[in-house]
C-alpha atoms as a PDB file:
ATOM      1  CA  MET A   1       0.046   0.054  -0.022  1.00  0.00           C
ATOM      2  CA  ASN A   2       1.188   3.476  -0.730  1.00  0.00           C
ATOM      3  CA  LYS A   3       0.555   6.467   1.456  1.00  0.00           C
ATOM      4  CA  THR A   4      -2.338   7.641  -0.666  1.00  0.00           C
ATOM      5  CA  SER A   5      -4.287   4.500  -0.401  1.00  0.00           C
ATOM      6  CA  LEU A   6      -3.497   4.208   3.420  1.00  0.00           C
ATOM      7  CA  LEU A   7      -5.124   7.738   3.785  1.00  0.00           C
ATOM      8  CA  LEU A   8      -8.227   6.751   1.886  1.00  0.00           C
ATOM      9  CA  ARG A   9      -8.984   3.646   4.152  1.00  0.00           C
ATOM     10  CA  ASN A  10     -12.259   3.630   5.914  1.00  0.00           C
ATOM     11  CA  LYS A  11     -10.695   2.720   9.109  1.00  0.00           C
ATOM     12  CA  PRO A  12      -7.508   3.816  10.945  1.00  0.00           C
ATOM     13  CA  LEU A  13      -4.398   1.818  10.493  1.00  0.00           C
ATOM     14  CA  LEU A  14      -3.897  -0.552  13.468  1.00  0.00           C
ATOM     15  CA  VAL A  15      -0.240  -0.899  14.371  1.00  0.00           C
ATOM     16  CA  ILE A  16       1.330  -3.054  17.166  1.00  0.00           C
ATOM     17  CA  ALA A  17       4.455  -1.581  18.838  1.00  0.00           C
ATOM     18  CA  ASP A  18       7.384  -3.719  19.798  1.00  0.00           C
ATOM     19  CA  ALA A  19      10.052  -3.020  22.303  1.00  0.00           C
ATOM     20  CA  ASP A  20      12.831  -2.263  19.736  1.00  0.00           C
ATOM     21  CA  VAL A  21      11.154   0.864  18.472  1.00  0.00           C
ATOM     22  CA  ILE A  22      10.317   2.151  21.706  1.00  0.00           C
ATOM     23  CA  VAL A  23      14.085   1.918  22.667  1.00  0.00           C
ATOM     24  CA  ALA A  24      15.118   3.400  19.414  1.00  0.00           C
ATOM     25  CA  GLN A  25      12.710   6.278  19.706  1.00  0.00           C
ATOM     26  CA  ALA A  26      13.756   7.006  23.275  1.00  0.00           C
ATOM     27  CA  TYR A  27      17.598   6.459  22.935  1.00  0.00           C
ATOM     28  CA  ALA A  28      19.022   9.100  20.508  1.00  0.00           C
ATOM     29  CA  ASP A  29      22.120   7.107  19.884  1.00  0.00           C
ATOM     30  CA  ASP A  30      20.253   4.100  18.648  1.00  0.00           C
ATOM     31  CA  THR A  31      21.195   3.262  15.030  1.00  0.00           C
ATOM     32  CA  SER A  32      17.370   3.225  14.148  1.00  0.00           C
ATOM     33  CA  HIS A  33      16.561   6.437  16.062  1.00  0.00           C
ATOM     34  CA  LYS A  34      16.167   8.622  12.973  1.00  0.00           C
ATOM     35  CA  GLN A  35      14.146   6.023  11.002  1.00  0.00           C
ATOM     36  CA  VAL A  36      11.876   5.446  13.855  1.00  0.00           C
ATOM     37  CA  LEU A  37      11.125   9.221  14.122  1.00  0.00           C
ATOM     38  CA  SER A  38      10.390   9.340  10.435  1.00  0.00           C
ATOM     39  CA  LEU A  39       8.088   6.425  10.610  1.00  0.00           C
ATOM     40  CA  SER A  40       6.467   7.686  13.627  1.00  0.00           C
ATOM     41  CA  GLN A  41       5.726  10.887  11.618  1.00  0.00           C
ATOM     42  CA  LEU A  42       4.294   8.776   8.831  1.00  0.00           C
ATOM     43  CA  LEU A  43       2.009   6.952  11.276  1.00  0.00           C
ATOM     44  CA  GLU A  44       0.897  10.210  12.668  1.00  0.00           C
ATOM     45  CA  GLU A  45       0.043  11.698   9.195  1.00  0.00           C
ATOM     46  CA  LEU A  46      -1.898   8.502   8.520  1.00  0.00           C
ATOM     47  CA  GLY A  47      -3.905   8.728  11.821  1.00  0.00           C
ATOM     48  CA  ALA A  48      -2.698   5.286  12.800  1.00  0.00           C
ATOM     49  CA  HIS A  49      -3.746   3.701  16.125  1.00  0.00           C
ATOM     50  CA  ILE A  50      -0.774   2.234  17.993  1.00  0.00           C
ATOM     51  CA  LEU A  51      -1.287  -0.388  20.457  1.00  0.00           C
ATOM     52  CA  PHE A  52       1.474  -1.138  23.048  1.00  0.00           C
ATOM     53  CA  PRO A  53       1.562  -4.671  24.562  1.00  0.00           C
ATOM     54  CA  SER A  54       2.259  -4.220  28.181  1.00  0.00           C
ATOM     55  CA  THR A  55       5.192  -6.562  27.937  1.00  0.00           C
ATOM     56  CA  ALA A  56       6.677  -4.491  25.114  1.00  0.00           C
ATOM     57  CA  ILE A  57       6.693  -1.450  27.442  1.00  0.00           C
ATOM     58  CA  SER A  58       8.232  -3.522  30.273  1.00  0.00           C
ATOM     59  CA  GLU A  59      10.884  -5.017  27.914  1.00  0.00           C
ATOM     60  CA  ALA A  60      11.891  -1.476  26.543  1.00  0.00           C
ATOM     61  CA  VAL A  61      11.999   0.238  29.969  1.00  0.00           C
ATOM     62  CA  THR A  62      14.114  -2.733  31.253  1.00  0.00           C
ATOM     63  CA  THR A  63      16.496  -2.415  28.256  1.00  0.00           C
ATOM     64  CA  LEU A  64      16.797   1.335  28.677  1.00  0.00           C
ATOM     65  CA  GLN A  65      17.595   0.844  32.396  1.00  0.00           C
ATOM     66  CA  ARG A  66      19.965  -2.146  32.082  1.00  0.00           C
ATOM     67  CA  LYS A  67      21.601  -2.310  28.826  1.00  0.00           C
ATOM     68  CA  PHE A  68      22.014   1.456  28.487  1.00  0.00           C
ATOM     69  CA  SER A  69      22.282   2.152  32.282  1.00  0.00           C
ATOM     70  CA  ASP A  70      20.010   5.182  31.915  1.00  0.00           C
ATOM     71  CA  PRO A  71      17.421   4.876  34.677  1.00  0.00           C
ATOM     72  CA  HIS A  72      16.232   8.494  34.073  1.00  0.00           C
ATOM     73  CA  LEU A  73      15.543   7.705  30.316  1.00  0.00           C
ATOM     74  CA  ALA A  74      13.888   4.405  31.474  1.00  0.00           C
ATOM     75  CA  ALA A  75      11.553   6.311  33.945  1.00  0.00           C
ATOM     76  CA  SER A  76      10.734   9.169  31.461  1.00  0.00           C
ATOM     77  CA  THR A  77       9.914   6.531  28.790  1.00  0.00           C
ATOM     78  CA  LEU A  78       7.667   4.721  31.129  1.00  0.00           C
ATOM     79  CA  ASN A  79       5.962   8.029  32.246  1.00  0.00           C
ATOM     80  CA  LEU A  80       5.429   8.850  28.576  1.00  0.00           C
ATOM     81  CA  LEU A  81       4.028   5.372  27.702  1.00  0.00           C
ATOM     82  CA  THR A  82       1.580   5.407  30.597  1.00  0.00           C
ATOM     83  CA  GLU A  83      -0.036   8.841  30.069  1.00  0.00           C
ATOM     84  CA  PRO A  84      -3.763   9.019  29.095  1.00  0.00           C
ATOM     85  CA  GLY A  85      -4.467   8.340  25.539  1.00  0.00           C
ATOM     86  CA  ILE A  86      -1.651   5.558  25.178  1.00  0.00           C
ATOM     87  CA  ASP A  87      -3.534   2.315  24.357  1.00  0.00           C
ATOM     88  CA  ILE A  88      -1.884  -0.481  26.278  1.00  0.00           C
ATOM     89  CA  GLU A  89      -2.850  -4.092  25.689  1.00  0.00           C
ATOM     90  CA  ASN A  90      -2.948  -6.131  29.006  1.00  0.00           C
ATOM     91  CA  ILE A  91      -1.258  -9.568  28.410  1.00  0.00           C
ATOM     92  CA  ASP A  92      -3.583 -12.244  29.793  1.00  0.00           C
ATOM     93  CA  GLU A  93      -3.512 -15.947  30.054  1.00  0.00           C
ATOM     94  CA  GLY A  94      -5.083 -16.505  26.676  1.00  0.00           C
ATOM     95  CA  ILE A  95      -2.354 -14.335  24.953  1.00  0.00           C
ATOM     96  CA  ILE A  96       0.360 -16.233  26.913  1.00  0.00           C
ATOM     97  CA  ARG A  97      -1.055 -19.557  25.705  1.00  0.00           C
ATOM     98  CA  GLU A  98      -1.236 -18.541  22.089  1.00  0.00           C
ATOM     99  CA  ALA A  99       2.200 -16.983  22.076  1.00  0.00           C
ATOM    100  CA  LYS A 100       3.616 -20.240  23.623  1.00  0.00           C
ATOM    101  CA  LYS A 101       2.684 -21.855  20.310  1.00  0.00           C
ATOM    102  CA  LEU A 102       5.162 -19.572  18.390  1.00  0.00           C
ATOM    103  CA  PHE A 103       7.914 -19.926  20.921  1.00  0.00           C
ATOM    104  CA  ASP A 104      10.725 -21.990  19.437  1.00  0.00           C
ATOM    105  CA  LEU A 105      14.360 -21.592  20.760  1.00  0.00           C
ATOM    106  CA  SER A 106      15.564 -23.961  17.990  1.00  0.00           C
ATOM    107  CA  VAL A 107      14.885 -21.425  15.313  1.00  0.00           C
ATOM    108  CA  SER A 108      16.704 -18.387  16.926  1.00  0.00           C
ATOM    109  CA  LYS A 109      17.770 -17.200  20.275  1.00  0.00           C
ATOM    110  CA  HIS A 110      16.936 -13.641  19.113  1.00  0.00           C
ATOM    111  CA  ASN A 111      13.080 -14.186  18.657  1.00  0.00           C
ATOM    112  CA  THR A 112      12.184 -14.019  22.265  1.00  0.00           C
ATOM    113  CA  PHE A 113       8.780 -14.963  24.035  1.00  0.00           C
ATOM    114  CA  PHE A 114       8.141 -11.114  24.023  1.00  0.00           C
ATOM    115  CA  ASP A 115       8.317 -11.159  20.297  1.00  0.00           C
ATOM    116  CA  CYS A 116       5.774 -14.128  20.394  1.00  0.00           C
ATOM    117  CA  ILE A 117       3.468 -12.066  22.546  1.00  0.00           C
ATOM    118  CA  VAL A 118       3.714  -9.092  20.066  1.00  0.00           C
ATOM    119  CA  ALA A 119       2.857 -11.320  17.105  1.00  0.00           C
ATOM    120  CA  THR A 120      -0.048 -12.878  19.069  1.00  0.00           C
ATOM    121  CA  VAL A 121      -1.465  -9.428  19.806  1.00  0.00           C
ATOM    122  CA  ALA A 122      -1.141  -8.439  16.223  1.00  0.00           C
ATOM    123  CA  LYS A 123      -2.970 -11.614  15.157  1.00  0.00           C
ATOM    124  CA  LYS A 124      -5.639 -11.174  17.973  1.00  0.00           C
ATOM    125  CA  HIS A 125      -6.538  -7.552  16.573  1.00  0.00           C
ATOM    126  CA  HIS A 126      -5.986  -8.216  12.947  1.00  0.00           C
ATOM    127  CA  ALA A 127      -3.350  -5.522  12.894  1.00  0.00           C
ATOM    128  CA  ASP A 128      -2.259  -3.917   9.720  1.00  0.00           C
ATOM    129  CA  ALA A 129       1.290  -3.694  10.747  1.00  0.00           C
ATOM    130  CA  ILE A 130       3.855  -4.307  13.577  1.00  0.00           C
ATOM    131  CA  PHE A 131       6.194  -1.355  14.405  1.00  0.00           C
ATOM    132  CA  SER A 132       9.489  -3.152  14.693  1.00  0.00           C
ATOM    133  CA  PHE A 133      12.637  -3.897  12.636  1.00  0.00           C
ATOM    134  CA  ASP A 134      12.479  -7.522  13.396  1.00  0.00           C
ATOM    135  CA  ASP A 135      12.043  -9.545  10.142  1.00  0.00           C
ATOM    136  CA  TRP A 136      10.802 -12.490  11.978  1.00  0.00           C
ATOM    137  CA  TYR A 137       7.368 -10.858  11.994  1.00  0.00           C
ATOM    138  CA  SER A 138       7.440 -10.713   8.206  1.00  0.00           C
ATOM    139  CA  LYS A 139       8.258 -14.425   8.081  1.00  0.00           C
ATOM    140  CA  LEU A 140       5.119 -14.958  10.159  1.00  0.00           C
ATOM    141  CA  GLY A 141       3.058 -12.957   7.569  1.00  0.00           C
ATOM    142  CA  PHE A 142       2.862  -9.657   9.163  1.00  0.00           C
ATOM    143  CA  LYS A 143       3.782  -6.408   7.557  1.00  0.00           C
ATOM    144  CA  LEU A 144       6.126  -4.173   9.195  1.00  0.00           C
ATOM    145  CA  VAL A 145       5.554  -0.439   9.327  1.00  0.00           C
ATOM    146  CA  SER A 146       8.789   0.267   7.398  1.00  0.00           C
ATOM    147  CA  ASN A 147       7.045  -1.694   4.494  1.00  0.00           C
ATOM    148  CA  LEU A 148       3.924   0.448   4.368  1.00  0.00           C
ATOM    149  CA  ASN A 149       5.264   3.264   2.148  1.00  0.00           C
END
């Protein structure tokens, strides 16, 4: 789909966010920071609805705190993602059970159970795209936001 056809849709684009884009948007030195900002602008122009799985928020905040040793950035990111108007998907037993079906450590140690949860949330909501740079989602049949334009 191109930008014009996306704008002409009858319903807003539904996008599920993954932790990697949350980190890339928050952490200015991330190699994907500029691309995330550009794609975020595109999603805003399209009027996209972004849904954040609670586990993606947890994973991103933990990454900012531990990997980048920046507790202030972690806290400010958490504050931003818990403001009114941010749509957070609670991860319940049903999502965990469905995500478990996708969890396969023999395929790659990089595709975590967190990723399985994001894919399950995307499937549950019939999402139009996943906001991530992880090609694993494409292999499952999902479109990435970077492939929308």
